[in-house]
N, C-alpha and C. Protein backbone atom coordinates (compact mmCIF):
# COMPACT_ATOMS: atom_id res chain seq x y z
N MET A 1 31.69 -4.91 33.44
CA MET A 1 30.50 -4.38 34.06
C MET A 1 30.54 -2.86 34.13
N THR A 2 31.73 -2.29 34.36
CA THR A 2 31.84 -0.84 34.44
C THR A 2 31.59 -0.18 33.08
N MET A 3 31.96 -0.88 32.00
CA MET A 3 31.72 -0.34 30.66
C MET A 3 30.21 -0.23 30.40
N THR A 4 29.45 -1.21 30.86
CA THR A 4 28.00 -1.18 30.69
C THR A 4 27.40 -0.03 31.48
N ARG A 5 27.89 0.16 32.71
CA ARG A 5 27.37 1.27 33.53
C ARG A 5 27.71 2.62 32.88
N PHE A 6 28.90 2.71 32.32
CA PHE A 6 29.31 3.94 31.65
C PHE A 6 28.41 4.21 30.44
N ALA A 7 28.10 3.16 29.66
CA ALA A 7 27.24 3.32 28.49
C ALA A 7 25.85 3.77 28.89
N PHE A 8 25.31 3.17 29.99
CA PHE A 8 23.98 3.58 30.46
C PHE A 8 23.99 5.02 30.98
N ALA A 9 25.05 5.40 31.66
CA ALA A 9 25.15 6.76 32.16
C ALA A 9 25.22 7.76 31.01
N LEU A 10 26.00 7.42 30.00
CA LEU A 10 26.11 8.29 28.83
C LEU A 10 24.77 8.39 28.10
N LEU A 11 24.09 7.28 27.99
CA LEU A 11 22.77 7.28 27.36
C LEU A 11 21.78 8.12 28.15
N GLY A 12 21.84 8.01 29.47
CA GLY A 12 20.95 8.81 30.32
C GLY A 12 21.20 10.30 30.18
N LEU A 13 22.47 10.69 30.08
CA LEU A 13 22.79 12.10 29.89
C LEU A 13 22.32 12.60 28.53
N ALA A 14 22.48 11.76 27.51
CA ALA A 14 22.07 12.17 26.17
C ALA A 14 20.57 12.33 26.08
N CYS A 15 19.83 11.47 26.76
CA CYS A 15 18.38 11.58 26.74
C CYS A 15 17.89 12.80 27.50
N GLY A 16 18.63 13.20 28.49
CA GLY A 16 18.22 14.34 29.30
C GLY A 16 18.45 15.68 28.64
N LEU A 17 19.33 15.73 27.66
CA LEU A 17 19.62 16.99 26.99
C LEU A 17 18.55 17.28 25.94
N PRO A 18 18.00 18.48 25.94
CA PRO A 18 17.01 18.80 24.91
C PRO A 18 17.69 19.08 23.57
N ALA A 19 16.99 18.77 22.51
CA ALA A 19 17.49 19.08 21.17
C ALA A 19 17.36 20.58 20.97
N HIS A 20 18.43 21.23 20.53
CA HIS A 20 18.41 22.68 20.42
C HIS A 20 18.90 23.08 19.03
N ALA A 21 18.07 23.79 18.32
CA ALA A 21 18.46 24.31 17.02
C ALA A 21 18.43 25.83 17.11
N GLN A 22 19.55 26.45 16.85
CA GLN A 22 19.65 27.89 16.99
C GLN A 22 19.40 28.55 15.63
N SER A 23 18.77 29.72 15.68
CA SER A 23 18.54 30.48 14.46
C SER A 23 19.82 31.18 14.05
N ILE A 24 20.05 31.22 12.75
CA ILE A 24 21.26 31.86 12.21
C ILE A 24 20.81 32.97 11.27
N TYR A 25 21.50 34.12 11.35
CA TYR A 25 21.14 35.28 10.54
C TYR A 25 22.34 35.79 9.77
N LYS A 26 22.06 36.38 8.61
CA LYS A 26 23.09 37.00 7.77
C LYS A 26 22.87 38.51 7.84
N CYS A 27 23.88 39.21 8.34
CA CYS A 27 23.75 40.66 8.54
C CYS A 27 24.81 41.41 7.74
N PRO A 28 24.45 42.56 7.16
CA PRO A 28 25.46 43.36 6.47
C PRO A 28 26.36 44.06 7.49
N ASP A 29 27.68 44.09 7.21
CA ASP A 29 28.58 44.79 8.14
C ASP A 29 28.95 46.17 7.58
N ALA A 30 29.76 46.89 8.28
CA ALA A 30 30.12 48.27 7.93
C ALA A 30 30.93 48.35 6.64
N ASN A 31 31.67 47.32 6.27
CA ASN A 31 32.51 47.33 5.07
C ASN A 31 31.75 46.91 3.81
N GLY A 32 30.46 46.63 3.92
CA GLY A 32 29.66 46.23 2.76
C GLY A 32 29.60 44.73 2.58
N GLY A 33 30.30 43.99 3.40
CA GLY A 33 30.25 42.53 3.35
C GLY A 33 29.09 42.01 4.18
N SER A 34 29.11 40.74 4.46
CA SER A 34 28.06 40.17 5.31
C SER A 34 28.69 39.31 6.39
N THR A 35 27.98 39.26 7.50
CA THR A 35 28.44 38.50 8.66
C THR A 35 27.33 37.53 9.06
N ILE A 36 27.74 36.33 9.42
CA ILE A 36 26.79 35.34 9.91
C ILE A 36 26.83 35.39 11.43
N ILE A 37 25.66 35.62 12.05
CA ILE A 37 25.62 35.73 13.51
C ILE A 37 24.45 34.93 14.06
N SER A 38 24.46 34.77 15.38
CA SER A 38 23.33 34.13 16.05
C SER A 38 22.41 35.22 16.56
N THR A 39 21.44 34.89 17.35
CA THR A 39 20.45 35.87 17.82
C THR A 39 20.99 36.82 18.88
N SER A 40 22.23 36.60 19.36
CA SER A 40 22.74 37.45 20.45
C SER A 40 22.95 38.91 20.01
N ARG A 41 23.31 39.18 18.73
CA ARG A 41 23.52 40.55 18.26
C ARG A 41 22.61 40.87 17.09
N LEU A 42 21.38 40.56 17.18
CA LEU A 42 20.46 40.72 16.06
C LEU A 42 20.24 42.18 15.72
N ASP A 43 20.36 42.52 14.43
CA ASP A 43 20.17 43.87 13.93
C ASP A 43 18.91 43.85 13.06
N LYS A 44 18.30 45.02 12.84
CA LYS A 44 17.07 45.06 12.05
C LYS A 44 17.32 44.78 10.57
N ASN A 45 18.56 44.90 10.08
CA ASN A 45 18.88 44.63 8.67
C ASN A 45 19.23 43.17 8.41
N CYS A 46 19.25 42.36 9.44
CA CYS A 46 19.63 40.95 9.31
C CYS A 46 18.48 40.14 8.70
N LYS A 47 18.87 39.11 7.96
CA LYS A 47 17.88 38.23 7.36
C LYS A 47 18.15 36.80 7.83
N ALA A 48 17.08 36.08 8.12
CA ALA A 48 17.21 34.72 8.64
C ALA A 48 17.73 33.79 7.55
N VAL A 49 18.72 32.98 7.89
CA VAL A 49 19.28 31.99 6.98
C VAL A 49 18.70 30.62 7.31
N SER A 50 18.64 30.31 8.59
CA SER A 50 18.13 29.02 9.03
C SER A 50 17.25 29.27 10.25
N LEU A 51 16.07 28.72 10.23
CA LEU A 51 15.16 28.93 11.34
C LEU A 51 15.14 27.70 12.23
N SER A 52 14.93 27.90 13.49
CA SER A 52 14.83 26.77 14.42
C SER A 52 13.48 26.08 14.20
N PRO A 53 13.34 24.84 14.62
CA PRO A 53 12.08 24.13 14.41
C PRO A 53 10.90 24.80 15.09
N GLU A 54 11.15 25.54 16.18
CA GLU A 54 10.04 26.19 16.89
C GLU A 54 9.42 27.31 16.06
N THR A 55 10.21 27.95 15.19
CA THR A 55 9.71 29.08 14.42
C THR A 55 9.36 28.70 12.98
N ALA A 56 9.61 27.44 12.62
CA ALA A 56 9.31 27.02 11.25
C ALA A 56 7.80 26.93 11.05
N VAL A 57 7.36 27.25 9.87
CA VAL A 57 5.94 27.20 9.54
C VAL A 57 5.62 25.79 9.03
N PRO A 58 4.58 25.15 9.57
CA PRO A 58 4.25 23.80 9.09
C PRO A 58 3.71 23.83 7.67
N ALA A 59 3.86 22.73 6.99
CA ALA A 59 3.37 22.63 5.61
C ALA A 59 1.85 22.69 5.61
N PRO A 60 1.27 23.29 4.58
CA PRO A 60 -0.19 23.35 4.53
C PRO A 60 -0.77 21.95 4.35
N LYS A 61 -1.94 21.75 4.93
CA LYS A 61 -2.60 20.45 4.83
C LYS A 61 -3.20 20.30 3.44
N ALA A 62 -3.23 19.05 2.98
CA ALA A 62 -3.83 18.76 1.68
C ALA A 62 -5.34 18.97 1.77
N PRO A 63 -5.94 19.50 0.73
CA PRO A 63 -7.39 19.71 0.78
C PRO A 63 -8.11 18.37 0.86
N ARG A 64 -9.17 18.33 1.64
CA ARG A 64 -9.96 17.12 1.80
C ARG A 64 -10.91 16.96 0.62
N ALA A 65 -11.15 15.70 0.30
CA ALA A 65 -12.08 15.41 -0.79
C ALA A 65 -13.50 15.74 -0.34
N SER A 66 -14.29 16.24 -1.24
CA SER A 66 -15.67 16.58 -0.90
C SER A 66 -16.51 15.30 -0.82
N ALA A 67 -17.72 15.44 -0.33
CA ALA A 67 -18.60 14.29 -0.17
C ALA A 67 -18.97 13.68 -1.51
N SER A 68 -19.12 14.52 -2.54
CA SER A 68 -19.44 14.00 -3.87
C SER A 68 -18.30 14.38 -4.82
N PRO A 69 -17.33 13.47 -5.02
CA PRO A 69 -16.18 13.81 -5.84
C PRO A 69 -16.49 13.88 -7.33
N THR A 70 -17.67 13.42 -7.74
CA THR A 70 -18.04 13.45 -9.15
C THR A 70 -18.47 14.86 -9.54
N PRO A 71 -17.96 15.39 -10.64
CA PRO A 71 -18.37 16.72 -11.08
C PRO A 71 -19.87 16.76 -11.38
N SER A 72 -20.45 17.94 -11.26
CA SER A 72 -21.90 18.07 -11.43
C SER A 72 -22.34 17.77 -12.86
N GLY A 73 -21.51 18.06 -13.86
CA GLY A 73 -21.88 17.83 -15.25
C GLY A 73 -21.51 16.45 -15.75
N PHE A 74 -21.00 15.59 -14.88
CA PHE A 74 -20.56 14.26 -15.28
C PHE A 74 -21.78 13.40 -15.64
N PRO A 75 -21.74 12.70 -16.78
CA PRO A 75 -22.92 11.91 -17.17
C PRO A 75 -23.15 10.74 -16.21
N LYS A 76 -24.40 10.50 -15.89
CA LYS A 76 -24.77 9.43 -14.97
C LYS A 76 -25.60 8.39 -15.71
N VAL A 77 -25.47 7.16 -15.28
CA VAL A 77 -26.21 6.05 -15.88
C VAL A 77 -27.55 5.94 -15.16
N GLN A 78 -28.59 5.74 -15.94
CA GLN A 78 -29.92 5.57 -15.36
C GLN A 78 -29.96 4.30 -14.52
N GLU A 79 -30.81 4.29 -13.52
CA GLU A 79 -30.87 3.17 -12.59
C GLU A 79 -31.28 1.87 -13.28
N ASP A 80 -32.25 1.93 -14.18
CA ASP A 80 -32.69 0.71 -14.87
C ASP A 80 -31.59 0.18 -15.81
N THR A 81 -30.82 1.09 -16.41
CA THR A 81 -29.71 0.68 -17.28
C THR A 81 -28.64 -0.03 -16.45
N GLN A 82 -28.34 0.53 -15.26
CA GLN A 82 -27.34 -0.08 -14.39
C GLN A 82 -27.81 -1.45 -13.90
N LYS A 83 -29.09 -1.58 -13.58
CA LYS A 83 -29.62 -2.88 -13.14
C LYS A 83 -29.51 -3.91 -14.26
N ALA A 84 -29.76 -3.48 -15.50
CA ALA A 84 -29.64 -4.39 -16.63
C ALA A 84 -28.18 -4.83 -16.80
N ARG A 85 -27.25 -3.90 -16.64
CA ARG A 85 -25.83 -4.23 -16.75
C ARG A 85 -25.42 -5.20 -15.64
N ASP A 86 -25.90 -4.95 -14.43
CA ASP A 86 -25.59 -5.84 -13.32
C ASP A 86 -26.16 -7.24 -13.56
N GLY A 87 -27.36 -7.30 -14.13
CA GLY A 87 -27.97 -8.59 -14.46
C GLY A 87 -27.16 -9.34 -15.51
N ASP A 88 -26.69 -8.60 -16.53
CA ASP A 88 -25.85 -9.23 -17.56
C ASP A 88 -24.55 -9.75 -16.94
N ARG A 89 -23.98 -8.97 -16.07
CA ARG A 89 -22.73 -9.39 -15.43
C ARG A 89 -22.95 -10.65 -14.59
N ARG A 90 -24.05 -10.68 -13.85
CA ARG A 90 -24.37 -11.86 -13.04
C ARG A 90 -24.53 -13.09 -13.93
N HIS A 91 -25.23 -12.91 -15.06
CA HIS A 91 -25.46 -14.02 -15.98
C HIS A 91 -24.12 -14.54 -16.54
N ILE A 92 -23.24 -13.64 -16.92
CA ILE A 92 -21.93 -14.02 -17.46
C ILE A 92 -21.11 -14.75 -16.40
N LEU A 93 -21.12 -14.23 -15.17
CA LEU A 93 -20.37 -14.88 -14.10
C LEU A 93 -20.93 -16.27 -13.78
N GLU A 94 -22.24 -16.42 -13.82
CA GLU A 94 -22.84 -17.74 -13.58
C GLU A 94 -22.46 -18.72 -14.68
N GLN A 95 -22.39 -18.24 -15.93
CA GLN A 95 -21.96 -19.10 -17.03
C GLN A 95 -20.49 -19.53 -16.84
N GLU A 96 -19.66 -18.58 -16.45
CA GLU A 96 -18.26 -18.90 -16.21
C GLU A 96 -18.12 -19.89 -15.06
N LEU A 97 -18.94 -19.73 -14.03
CA LEU A 97 -18.90 -20.63 -12.88
C LEU A 97 -19.28 -22.05 -13.29
N SER A 98 -20.33 -22.19 -14.10
CA SER A 98 -20.73 -23.54 -14.53
C SER A 98 -19.66 -24.15 -15.44
N GLY A 99 -19.04 -23.34 -16.29
CA GLY A 99 -17.96 -23.84 -17.15
C GLY A 99 -16.75 -24.28 -16.34
N GLU A 100 -16.40 -23.52 -15.33
CA GLU A 100 -15.27 -23.89 -14.46
C GLU A 100 -15.60 -25.15 -13.67
N GLN A 101 -16.85 -25.30 -13.26
CA GLN A 101 -17.24 -26.50 -12.52
C GLN A 101 -17.11 -27.74 -13.41
N ARG A 102 -17.52 -27.62 -14.67
CA ARG A 102 -17.36 -28.74 -15.61
C ARG A 102 -15.87 -29.04 -15.83
N SER A 103 -15.07 -28.00 -15.97
CA SER A 103 -13.63 -28.19 -16.16
C SER A 103 -12.99 -28.83 -14.93
N LEU A 104 -13.45 -28.45 -13.75
CA LEU A 104 -12.94 -29.04 -12.52
C LEU A 104 -13.29 -30.52 -12.44
N ASP A 105 -14.52 -30.85 -12.80
CA ASP A 105 -14.93 -32.26 -12.79
C ASP A 105 -14.06 -33.08 -13.74
N GLN A 106 -13.82 -32.54 -14.93
CA GLN A 106 -12.98 -33.24 -15.91
C GLN A 106 -11.55 -33.37 -15.41
N ALA A 107 -11.00 -32.31 -14.80
CA ALA A 107 -9.64 -32.34 -14.29
C ALA A 107 -9.51 -33.37 -13.17
N ARG A 108 -10.52 -33.47 -12.30
CA ARG A 108 -10.50 -34.47 -11.24
C ARG A 108 -10.55 -35.89 -11.82
N LYS A 109 -11.35 -36.08 -12.86
CA LYS A 109 -11.45 -37.38 -13.51
C LYS A 109 -10.10 -37.76 -14.13
N ASP A 110 -9.45 -36.80 -14.82
CA ASP A 110 -8.13 -37.06 -15.41
C ASP A 110 -7.09 -37.37 -14.34
N LEU A 111 -7.16 -36.67 -13.22
CA LEU A 111 -6.23 -36.92 -12.12
C LEU A 111 -6.42 -38.32 -11.56
N ALA A 112 -7.67 -38.72 -11.37
CA ALA A 112 -7.94 -40.07 -10.84
C ALA A 112 -7.43 -41.13 -11.79
N GLU A 113 -7.58 -40.91 -13.10
CA GLU A 113 -7.08 -41.88 -14.08
C GLU A 113 -5.56 -41.98 -14.02
N GLN A 114 -4.87 -40.85 -13.89
CA GLN A 114 -3.42 -40.86 -13.84
C GLN A 114 -2.90 -41.49 -12.55
N GLU A 115 -3.62 -41.28 -11.46
CA GLU A 115 -3.20 -41.89 -10.19
C GLU A 115 -3.40 -43.40 -10.20
N ALA A 116 -4.37 -43.88 -11.00
CA ALA A 116 -4.67 -45.31 -11.04
C ALA A 116 -3.77 -46.07 -12.01
N VAL A 117 -3.05 -45.39 -12.90
CA VAL A 117 -2.24 -46.06 -13.91
C VAL A 117 -1.17 -46.93 -13.26
N ARG A 118 -0.26 -46.35 -12.53
CA ARG A 118 0.80 -47.09 -11.85
C ARG A 118 1.01 -46.47 -10.47
N PRO A 119 0.14 -46.79 -9.53
CA PRO A 119 0.29 -46.19 -8.21
C PRO A 119 1.59 -46.65 -7.55
N GLY A 120 2.26 -45.73 -6.91
CA GLY A 120 3.49 -46.04 -6.20
C GLY A 120 4.73 -46.07 -7.06
N ALA A 121 4.62 -45.86 -8.35
CA ALA A 121 5.79 -45.86 -9.22
C ALA A 121 6.65 -44.63 -8.90
N ALA A 122 7.93 -44.74 -9.20
CA ALA A 122 8.87 -43.66 -8.89
C ALA A 122 8.55 -42.39 -9.67
N ASP A 123 8.09 -42.52 -10.89
CA ASP A 123 7.81 -41.33 -11.70
C ASP A 123 6.38 -40.84 -11.56
N SER A 124 5.56 -41.48 -10.73
CA SER A 124 4.14 -41.10 -10.64
C SER A 124 3.96 -39.69 -10.06
N ARG A 125 4.83 -39.30 -9.13
CA ARG A 125 4.69 -37.97 -8.53
C ARG A 125 4.91 -36.88 -9.58
N ASP A 126 5.92 -37.04 -10.42
CA ASP A 126 6.19 -36.05 -11.47
C ASP A 126 5.13 -36.09 -12.56
N ARG A 127 4.63 -37.28 -12.84
CA ARG A 127 3.64 -37.44 -13.90
C ARG A 127 2.28 -36.88 -13.47
N VAL A 128 1.94 -37.00 -12.19
CA VAL A 128 0.63 -36.59 -11.69
C VAL A 128 0.60 -35.11 -11.31
N ALA A 129 1.74 -34.50 -11.07
CA ALA A 129 1.81 -33.11 -10.61
C ALA A 129 1.06 -32.13 -11.52
N PRO A 130 1.18 -32.18 -12.85
CA PRO A 130 0.43 -31.23 -13.67
C PRO A 130 -1.09 -31.40 -13.54
N TYR A 131 -1.54 -32.62 -13.31
CA TYR A 131 -2.98 -32.87 -13.15
C TYR A 131 -3.47 -32.28 -11.83
N ARG A 132 -2.67 -32.41 -10.79
CA ARG A 132 -3.03 -31.80 -9.50
C ARG A 132 -3.03 -30.28 -9.61
N ASP A 133 -2.06 -29.73 -10.32
CA ASP A 133 -2.01 -28.28 -10.52
C ASP A 133 -3.25 -27.78 -11.26
N ARG A 134 -3.68 -28.54 -12.26
CA ARG A 134 -4.86 -28.15 -13.03
C ARG A 134 -6.11 -28.16 -12.15
N VAL A 135 -6.24 -29.17 -11.29
CA VAL A 135 -7.38 -29.23 -10.36
C VAL A 135 -7.34 -28.03 -9.42
N ALA A 136 -6.17 -27.73 -8.87
CA ALA A 136 -6.04 -26.60 -7.95
C ALA A 136 -6.37 -25.28 -8.65
N GLN A 137 -5.96 -25.13 -9.91
CA GLN A 137 -6.25 -23.90 -10.64
C GLN A 137 -7.75 -23.71 -10.84
N HIS A 138 -8.45 -24.78 -11.21
CA HIS A 138 -9.91 -24.68 -11.39
C HIS A 138 -10.60 -24.38 -10.07
N GLU A 139 -10.10 -24.94 -8.97
CA GLU A 139 -10.70 -24.64 -7.66
C GLU A 139 -10.52 -23.17 -7.30
N ARG A 140 -9.34 -22.62 -7.58
CA ARG A 140 -9.10 -21.19 -7.32
C ARG A 140 -9.99 -20.32 -8.21
N ASN A 141 -10.17 -20.71 -9.46
CA ASN A 141 -11.04 -19.94 -10.36
C ASN A 141 -12.48 -19.93 -9.85
N ILE A 142 -12.94 -21.06 -9.37
CA ILE A 142 -14.31 -21.15 -8.85
C ILE A 142 -14.46 -20.25 -7.63
N GLN A 143 -13.48 -20.26 -6.75
CA GLN A 143 -13.55 -19.38 -5.57
C GLN A 143 -13.58 -17.92 -5.96
N ALA A 144 -12.80 -17.54 -6.95
CA ALA A 144 -12.76 -16.14 -7.40
C ALA A 144 -14.10 -15.72 -8.02
N ILE A 145 -14.68 -16.60 -8.80
CA ILE A 145 -15.97 -16.28 -9.43
C ILE A 145 -17.06 -16.19 -8.37
N GLN A 146 -17.05 -17.09 -7.40
CA GLN A 146 -18.04 -17.03 -6.32
C GLN A 146 -17.90 -15.74 -5.50
N LYS A 147 -16.67 -15.29 -5.32
CA LYS A 147 -16.44 -14.03 -4.61
C LYS A 147 -17.01 -12.86 -5.40
N GLU A 148 -16.80 -12.85 -6.71
CA GLU A 148 -17.36 -11.79 -7.56
C GLU A 148 -18.89 -11.81 -7.52
N LEU A 149 -19.47 -12.98 -7.55
CA LEU A 149 -20.93 -13.08 -7.47
C LEU A 149 -21.45 -12.56 -6.12
N ALA A 150 -20.73 -12.83 -5.06
CA ALA A 150 -21.14 -12.36 -3.74
C ALA A 150 -21.06 -10.83 -3.64
N ASN A 151 -20.16 -10.22 -4.41
CA ASN A 151 -19.99 -8.76 -4.34
C ASN A 151 -21.03 -8.01 -5.16
N LEU A 152 -21.76 -8.70 -6.00
CA LEU A 152 -22.80 -8.02 -6.80
C LEU A 152 -23.95 -7.59 -5.89
N ARG A 153 -24.60 -6.50 -6.29
CA ARG A 153 -25.75 -6.01 -5.52
C ARG A 153 -26.97 -6.84 -5.76
């Protein structure tokens, strides 16, 4: 119990002490050499080697992006051209959705046939697994296409 109290006391003392970073300076001496000193004997010929955090200059902030990041001379698509492209994209996505729906129906039919062959057999789980995976894949594809269609304007 005393060891725990000692650890808490030591922790309390450490938290109470402020972090202190002292500035260090390199000064020329009378013999032509250099001396490393603290701020107590600072001379006008001394140069700072290490600055304390209080005197350090913060890094410059990154420039903020402007409201219109596109350059003024950048080519723009006409509104009617963009609407036509969006319409083509919607049409293509709808075709893909109907194709995936047909594939899902077929995959479900194949799965039902495989499950009906020998229900309860020891190898049925391994035999049916690829058919279940195929059904799940088509369901995920349909969800992704529906999400893309919902994101169109």
